[in-house]
PDB file of N, CA and C in Angstrom:
ATOM      1  N   MET A   1      27.670  -2.257  17.840  1.00  0.00           N
ATOM      2  CA  MET A   1      26.251  -1.995  17.706  1.00  0.00           C
ATOM      3  C   MET A   1      25.949  -0.651  18.370  1.00  0.00           C
ATOM      4  N   ALA A   2      25.260   0.196  17.667  1.00  0.00           N
ATOM      5  CA  ALA A   2      24.918   1.525  18.170  1.00  0.00           C
ATOM      6  C   ALA A   2      23.704   1.443  19.095  1.00  0.00           C
ATOM      7  N   ASN A   3      23.623   2.370  20.021  1.00  0.00           N
ATOM      8  CA  ASN A   3      22.436   2.459  20.885  1.00  0.00           C
ATOM      9  C   ASN A   3      21.234   2.865  20.041  1.00  0.00           C
ATOM     10  N   THR A   4      20.105   2.214  20.301  1.00  0.00           N
ATOM     11  CA  THR A   4      18.905   2.534  19.536  1.00  0.00           C
ATOM     12  C   THR A   4      17.847   3.235  20.384  1.00  0.00           C
ATOM     13  N   TYR A   5      18.203   3.652  21.589  1.00  0.00           N
ATOM     14  CA  TYR A   5      17.213   4.319  22.451  1.00  0.00           C
ATOM     15  C   TYR A   5      17.146   5.801  22.100  1.00  0.00           C
ATOM     16  N   ARG A   6      16.062   6.427  22.542  1.00  0.00           N
ATOM     17  CA  ARG A   6      15.934   7.861  22.369  1.00  0.00           C
ATOM     18  C   ARG A   6      15.443   8.471  23.684  1.00  0.00           C
ATOM     19  N   VAL A   7      15.858   9.662  23.960  1.00  0.00           N
ATOM     20  CA  VAL A   7      15.451  10.372  25.171  1.00  0.00           C
ATOM     21  C   VAL A   7      14.056  10.956  24.919  1.00  0.00           C
ATOM     22  N   ILE A   8      13.169  10.729  25.875  1.00  0.00           N
ATOM     23  CA  ILE A   8      11.794  11.218  25.757  1.00  0.00           C
ATOM     24  C   ILE A   8      11.599  12.421  26.662  1.00  0.00           C
ATOM     25  N   ASP A   9      11.048  13.456  26.119  1.00  0.00           N
ATOM     26  CA  ASP A   9      10.710  14.654  26.895  1.00  0.00           C
ATOM     27  C   ASP A   9       9.443  14.353  27.676  1.00  0.00           C
ATOM     28  N   ARG A  10       9.541  14.211  28.988  1.00  0.00           N
ATOM     29  CA  ARG A  10       8.389  13.833  29.803  1.00  0.00           C
ATOM     30  C   ARG A  10       7.345  14.920  29.940  1.00  0.00           C
ATOM     31  N   GLN A  11       7.668  16.146  29.592  1.00  0.00           N
ATOM     32  CA  GLN A  11       6.715  17.247  29.695  1.00  0.00           C
ATOM     33  C   GLN A  11       5.480  17.031  28.792  1.00  0.00           C
ATOM     34  N   GLY A  12       5.672  16.569  27.588  1.00  0.00           N
ATOM     35  CA  GLY A  12       4.555  16.408  26.660  1.00  0.00           C
ATOM     36  C   GLY A  12       4.192  14.948  26.395  1.00  0.00           C
ATOM     37  N   TRP A  13       4.837  14.035  27.119  1.00  0.00           N
ATOM     38  CA  TRP A  13       4.625  12.610  26.889  1.00  0.00           C
ATOM     39  C   TRP A  13       3.312  12.158  27.540  1.00  0.00           C
ATOM     40  N   GLU A  14       2.449  11.499  26.753  1.00  0.00           N
ATOM     41  CA  GLU A  14       1.141  11.085  27.286  1.00  0.00           C
ATOM     42  C   GLU A  14       1.238   9.993  28.351  1.00  0.00           C
ATOM     43  N   ARG A  15       2.351   9.297  28.445  1.00  0.00           N
ATOM     44  CA  ARG A  15       2.515   8.225  29.439  1.00  0.00           C
ATOM     45  C   ARG A  15       3.394   8.655  30.617  1.00  0.00           C
ATOM     46  N   ALA A  16       3.578   9.955  30.775  1.00  0.00           N
ATOM     47  CA  ALA A  16       4.439  10.458  31.854  1.00  0.00           C
ATOM     48  C   ALA A  16       3.972  10.019  33.227  1.00  0.00           C
ATOM     49  N   MET A  17       2.665  10.013  33.467  1.00  0.00           N
ATOM     50  CA  MET A  17       2.125   9.608  34.770  1.00  0.00           C
ATOM     51  C   MET A  17       2.452   8.154  35.073  1.00  0.00           C
ATOM     52  N   HIS A  18       2.345   7.288  34.055  1.00  0.00           N
ATOM     53  CA  HIS A  18       2.683   5.860  34.236  1.00  0.00           C
ATOM     54  C   HIS A  18       4.168   5.714  34.594  1.00  0.00           C
ATOM     55  N   CYS A  19       4.994   6.487  33.940  1.00  0.00           N
ATOM     56  CA  CYS A  19       6.417   6.444  34.220  1.00  0.00           C
ATOM     57  C   CYS A  19       6.696   6.853  35.655  1.00  0.00           C
ATOM     58  N   MET A  20       6.046   7.917  36.117  1.00  0.00           N
ATOM     59  CA  MET A  20       6.264   8.379  37.487  1.00  0.00           C
ATOM     60  C   MET A  20       5.804   7.350  38.518  1.00  0.00           C
ATOM     61  N   VAL A  21       4.716   6.627  38.225  1.00  0.00           N
ATOM     62  CA  VAL A  21       4.191   5.637  39.168  1.00  0.00           C
ATOM     63  C   VAL A  21       5.192   4.484  39.337  1.00  0.00           C
ATOM     64  N   PHE A  22       5.749   4.000  38.226  1.00  0.00           N
ATOM     65  CA  PHE A  22       6.610   2.814  38.271  1.00  0.00           C
ATOM     66  C   PHE A  22       8.109   3.141  38.369  1.00  0.00           C
ATOM     67  N   ARG A  23       8.488   4.355  38.229  1.00  0.00           N
ATOM     68  CA  ARG A  23       9.900   4.734  38.141  1.00  0.00           C
ATOM     69  C   ARG A  23      10.739   4.270  39.331  1.00  0.00           C
ATOM     70  N   ASP A  24      10.229   4.444  40.524  1.00  0.00           N
ATOM     71  CA  ASP A  24      11.024   4.117  41.723  1.00  0.00           C
ATOM     72  C   ASP A  24      10.717   2.748  42.326  1.00  0.00           C
ATOM     73  N   CYS A  25       9.929   1.939  41.630  1.00  0.00           N
ATOM     74  CA  CYS A  25       9.607   0.590  42.124  1.00  0.00           C
ATOM     75  C   CYS A  25      10.799  -0.351  41.850  1.00  0.00           C
ATOM     76  N   ILE A  26      11.116  -1.160  42.831  1.00  0.00           N
ATOM     77  CA  ILE A  26      12.193  -2.130  42.654  1.00  0.00           C
ATOM     78  C   ILE A  26      11.755  -3.206  41.655  1.00  0.00           C
ATOM     79  N   GLU A  27      10.546  -3.706  41.828  1.00  0.00           N
ATOM     80  CA  GLU A  27       9.995  -4.707  40.909  1.00  0.00           C
ATOM     81  C   GLU A  27       8.624  -4.222  40.429  1.00  0.00           C
ATOM     82  N   PRO A  28       8.579  -3.357  39.423  1.00  0.00           N
ATOM     83  CA  PRO A  28       7.314  -2.861  38.964  1.00  0.00           C
ATOM     84  C   PRO A  28       6.455  -3.968  38.374  1.00  0.00           C
ATOM     85  N   ALA A  29       5.152  -3.909  38.622  1.00  0.00           N
ATOM     86  CA  ALA A  29       4.242  -4.948  38.114  1.00  0.00           C
ATOM     87  C   ALA A  29       2.915  -4.291  37.752  1.00  0.00           C
ATOM     88  N   PHE A  30       2.150  -4.975  36.942  1.00  0.00           N
ATOM     89  CA  PHE A  30       0.840  -4.487  36.590  1.00  0.00           C
ATOM     90  C   PHE A  30      -0.048  -5.698  36.309  1.00  0.00           C
ATOM     91  N   CYS A  31      -1.345  -5.481  36.251  1.00  0.00           N
ATOM     92  CA  CYS A  31      -2.304  -6.559  36.000  1.00  0.00           C
ATOM     93  C   CYS A  31      -3.101  -6.231  34.756  1.00  0.00           C
ATOM     94  N   VAL A  32      -3.485  -7.289  34.057  1.00  0.00           N
ATOM     95  CA  VAL A  32      -4.324  -7.140  32.880  1.00  0.00           C
ATOM     96  C   VAL A  32      -5.594  -7.944  33.137  1.00  0.00           C
ATOM     97  N   THR A  33      -6.741  -7.322  32.947  1.00  0.00           N
ATOM     98  CA  THR A  33      -8.011  -8.034  33.126  1.00  0.00           C
ATOM     99  C   THR A  33      -8.836  -7.905  31.850  1.00  0.00           C
ATOM    100  N   PHE A  34      -9.748  -8.846  31.698  1.00  0.00           N
ATOM    101  CA  PHE A  34     -10.631  -8.820  30.543  1.00  0.00           C
ATOM    102  C   PHE A  34     -11.897  -9.596  30.856  1.00  0.00           C
ATOM    103  N   GLU A  35     -12.940  -9.331  30.118  1.00  0.00           N
ATOM    104  CA  GLU A  35     -14.177 -10.063  30.272  1.00  0.00           C
ATOM    105  C   GLU A  35     -14.221 -11.189  29.253  1.00  0.00           C
ATOM    106  N   ALA A  36     -14.736 -12.332  29.670  1.00  0.00           N
ATOM    107  CA  ALA A  36     -14.841 -13.466  28.759  1.00  0.00           C
ATOM    108  C   ALA A  36     -16.138 -14.210  29.038  1.00  0.00           C
ATOM    109  N   ASP A  37     -16.822 -14.624  27.989  1.00  0.00           N
ATOM    110  CA  ASP A  37     -18.049 -15.407  28.114  1.00  0.00           C
ATOM    111  C   ASP A  37     -17.660 -16.886  28.192  1.00  0.00           C
ATOM    112  N   ILE A  38     -17.803 -17.487  29.367  1.00  0.00           N
ATOM    113  CA  ILE A  38     -17.385 -18.879  29.548  1.00  0.00           C
ATOM    114  C   ILE A  38     -18.597 -19.794  29.767  1.00  0.00           C
ATOM    115  N   THR A  39     -19.745 -19.388  29.249  1.00  0.00           N
ATOM    116  CA  THR A  39     -20.960 -20.169  29.443  1.00  0.00           C
ATOM    117  C   THR A  39     -20.826 -21.588  28.906  1.00  0.00           C
ATOM    118  N   LYS A  40     -20.353 -21.720  27.672  1.00  0.00           N
ATOM    119  CA  LYS A  40     -20.206 -23.060  27.064  1.00  0.00           C
ATOM    120  C   LYS A  40     -19.141 -23.875  27.817  1.00  0.00           C
ATOM    121  N   TYR A  41     -18.089 -23.182  28.221  1.00  0.00           N
ATOM    122  CA  TYR A  41     -17.029 -23.856  28.970  1.00  0.00           C
ATOM    123  C   TYR A  41     -17.565 -24.437  30.276  1.00  0.00           C
ATOM    124  N   LYS A  42     -18.363 -23.638  30.994  1.00  0.00           N
ATOM    125  CA  LYS A  42     -18.949 -24.096  32.256  1.00  0.00           C
ATOM    126  C   LYS A  42     -19.883 -25.279  32.044  1.00  0.00           C
ATOM    127  N   GLN A  43     -20.672 -25.242  30.954  1.00  0.00           N
ATOM    128  CA  GLN A  43     -21.584 -26.343  30.665  1.00  0.00           C
ATOM    129  C   GLN A  43     -20.823 -27.636  30.385  1.00  0.00           C
ATOM    130  N   LYS A  44     -19.753 -27.522  29.623  1.00  0.00           N
ATOM    131  CA  LYS A  44     -18.931 -28.699  29.312  1.00  0.00           C
ATOM    132  C   LYS A  44     -18.270 -29.258  30.581  1.00  0.00           C
ATOM    133  N   ASN A  45     -17.780 -28.381  31.437  1.00  0.00           N
ATOM    134  CA  ASN A  45     -17.163 -28.835  32.685  1.00  0.00           C
ATOM    135  C   ASN A  45     -18.178 -29.475  33.618  1.00  0.00           C
ATOM    136  N   LYS A  46     -19.384 -28.925  33.633  1.00  0.00           N
ATOM    137  CA  LYS A  46     -20.432 -29.486  34.491  1.00  0.00           C
ATOM    138  C   LYS A  46     -20.766 -30.914  34.029  1.00  0.00           C
ATOM    139  N   ALA A  47     -20.834 -31.112  32.722  1.00  0.00           N
ATOM    140  CA  ALA A  47     -21.107 -32.462  32.198  1.00  0.00           C
ATOM    141  C   ALA A  47     -19.992 -33.434  32.540  1.00  0.00           C
ATOM    142  N   LYS A  48     -18.754 -32.964  32.526  1.00  0.00           N
ATOM    143  CA  LYS A  48     -17.607 -33.822  32.838  1.00  0.00           C
ATOM    144  C   LYS A  48     -17.335 -33.904  34.343  1.00  0.00           C
ATOM    145  N   ARG A  49     -18.058 -33.088  35.118  1.00  0.00           N
ATOM    146  CA  ARG A  49     -17.866 -33.005  36.568  1.00  0.00           C
ATOM    147  C   ARG A  49     -16.455 -32.559  36.946  1.00  0.00           C
ATOM    148  N   THR A  50     -15.957 -31.576  36.243  1.00  0.00           N
ATOM    149  CA  THR A  50     -14.663 -30.976  36.571  1.00  0.00           C
ATOM    150  C   THR A  50     -14.887 -29.593  37.125  1.00  0.00           C
ATOM    151  N   PHE A  51     -13.851 -28.999  37.698  1.00  0.00           N
ATOM    152  CA  PHE A  51     -13.953 -27.707  38.321  1.00  0.00           C
ATOM    153  C   PHE A  51     -13.378 -26.611  37.423  1.00  0.00           C
ATOM    154  N   LEU A  52     -13.945 -25.426  37.526  1.00  0.00           N
ATOM    155  CA  LEU A  52     -13.476 -24.291  36.760  1.00  0.00           C
ATOM    156  C   LEU A  52     -11.999 -24.011  37.055  1.00  0.00           C
ATOM    157  N   TYR A  53     -11.619 -24.117  38.293  1.00  0.00           N
ATOM    158  CA  TYR A  53     -10.237 -23.841  38.676  1.00  0.00           C
ATOM    159  C   TYR A  53      -9.234 -24.717  37.933  1.00  0.00           C
ATOM    160  N   HIS A  54      -9.564 -25.987  37.736  1.00  0.00           N
ATOM    161  CA  HIS A  54      -8.660 -26.898  37.022  1.00  0.00           C
ATOM    162  C   HIS A  54      -8.475 -26.440  35.569  1.00  0.00           C
ATOM    163  N   GLY A  55      -9.567 -26.024  34.958  1.00  0.00           N
ATOM    164  CA  GLY A  55      -9.483 -25.528  33.578  1.00  0.00           C
ATOM    165  C   GLY A  55      -8.643 -24.275  33.500  1.00  0.00           C
ATOM    166  N   TYR A  56      -8.754 -23.434  34.511  1.00  0.00           N
ATOM    167  CA  TYR A  56      -7.952 -22.212  34.557  1.00  0.00           C
ATOM    168  C   TYR A  56      -6.455 -22.570  34.579  1.00  0.00           C
ATOM    169  N   GLY A  57      -6.093 -23.547  35.358  1.00  0.00           N
ATOM    170  CA  GLY A  57      -4.704 -23.977  35.423  1.00  0.00           C
ATOM    171  C   GLY A  57      -4.210 -24.546  34.110  1.00  0.00           C
ATOM    172  N   ILE A  58      -5.048 -25.344  33.457  1.00  0.00           N
ATOM    173  CA  ILE A  58      -4.672 -25.925  32.172  1.00  0.00           C
ATOM    174  C   ILE A  58      -4.508 -24.833  31.121  1.00  0.00           C
ATOM    175  N   CYS A  59      -5.422 -23.852  31.100  1.00  0.00           N
ATOM    176  CA  CYS A  59      -5.284 -22.732  30.161  1.00  0.00           C
ATOM    177  C   CYS A  59      -4.005 -21.973  30.402  1.00  0.00           C
ATOM    178  N   GLY A  60      -3.686 -21.719  31.633  1.00  0.00           N
ATOM    179  CA  GLY A  60      -2.458 -20.998  31.964  1.00  0.00           C
ATOM    180  C   GLY A  60      -1.233 -21.745  31.499  1.00  0.00           C
ATOM    181  N   LEU A  61      -1.222 -23.056  31.671  1.00  0.00           N
ATOM    182  CA  LEU A  61      -0.065 -23.843  31.242  1.00  0.00           C
ATOM    183  C   LEU A  61       0.045 -23.829  29.704  1.00  0.00           C
ATOM    184  N   SER A  62      -1.079 -23.940  29.017  1.00  0.00           N
ATOM    185  CA  SER A  62      -0.999 -23.970  27.548  1.00  0.00           C
ATOM    186  C   SER A  62      -0.546 -22.618  26.999  1.00  0.00           C
ATOM    187  N   VAL A  63      -0.906 -21.525  27.637  1.00  0.00           N
ATOM    188  CA  VAL A  63      -0.451 -20.214  27.201  1.00  0.00           C
ATOM    189  C   VAL A  63       1.056 -20.085  27.431  1.00  0.00           C
ATOM    190  N   ARG A  64       1.514 -20.549  28.571  1.00  0.00           N
ATOM    191  CA  ARG A  64       2.946 -20.482  28.885  1.00  0.00           C
ATOM    192  C   ARG A  64       3.763 -21.305  27.879  1.00  0.00           C
ATOM    193  N   GLN A  65       3.298 -22.468  27.515  1.00  0.00           N
ATOM    194  CA  GLN A  65       4.048 -23.344  26.636  1.00  0.00           C
ATOM    195  C   GLN A  65       4.089 -22.802  25.225  1.00  0.00           C
ATOM    196  N   SER A  66       3.076 -22.037  24.819  1.00  0.00           N
ATOM    197  CA  SER A  66       3.067 -21.542  23.451  1.00  0.00           C
ATOM    198  C   SER A  66       4.000 -20.370  23.235  1.00  0.00           C
ATOM    199  N   ASN A  67       4.471 -19.759  24.298  1.00  0.00           N
ATOM    200  CA  ASN A  67       5.373 -18.591  24.160  1.00  0.00           C
ATOM    201  C   ASN A  67       6.770 -19.024  23.983  1.00  0.00           C
TER     202      ASN A  67
END
């Protein structure tokens, strides 16, 4: 099997700064955030008397299992 990588010239590469930030990290990591409207979810949980944190855990598990 042949190598499929290509050498990138960092001089004109738009992601060069990102590469420099993570290049020397032993375990590079990043975070992803987003906004979500959870109004209906909160109303449903309030009626069931459950906590938002528990729903967060359940959502995380279901996302993990689907991958």
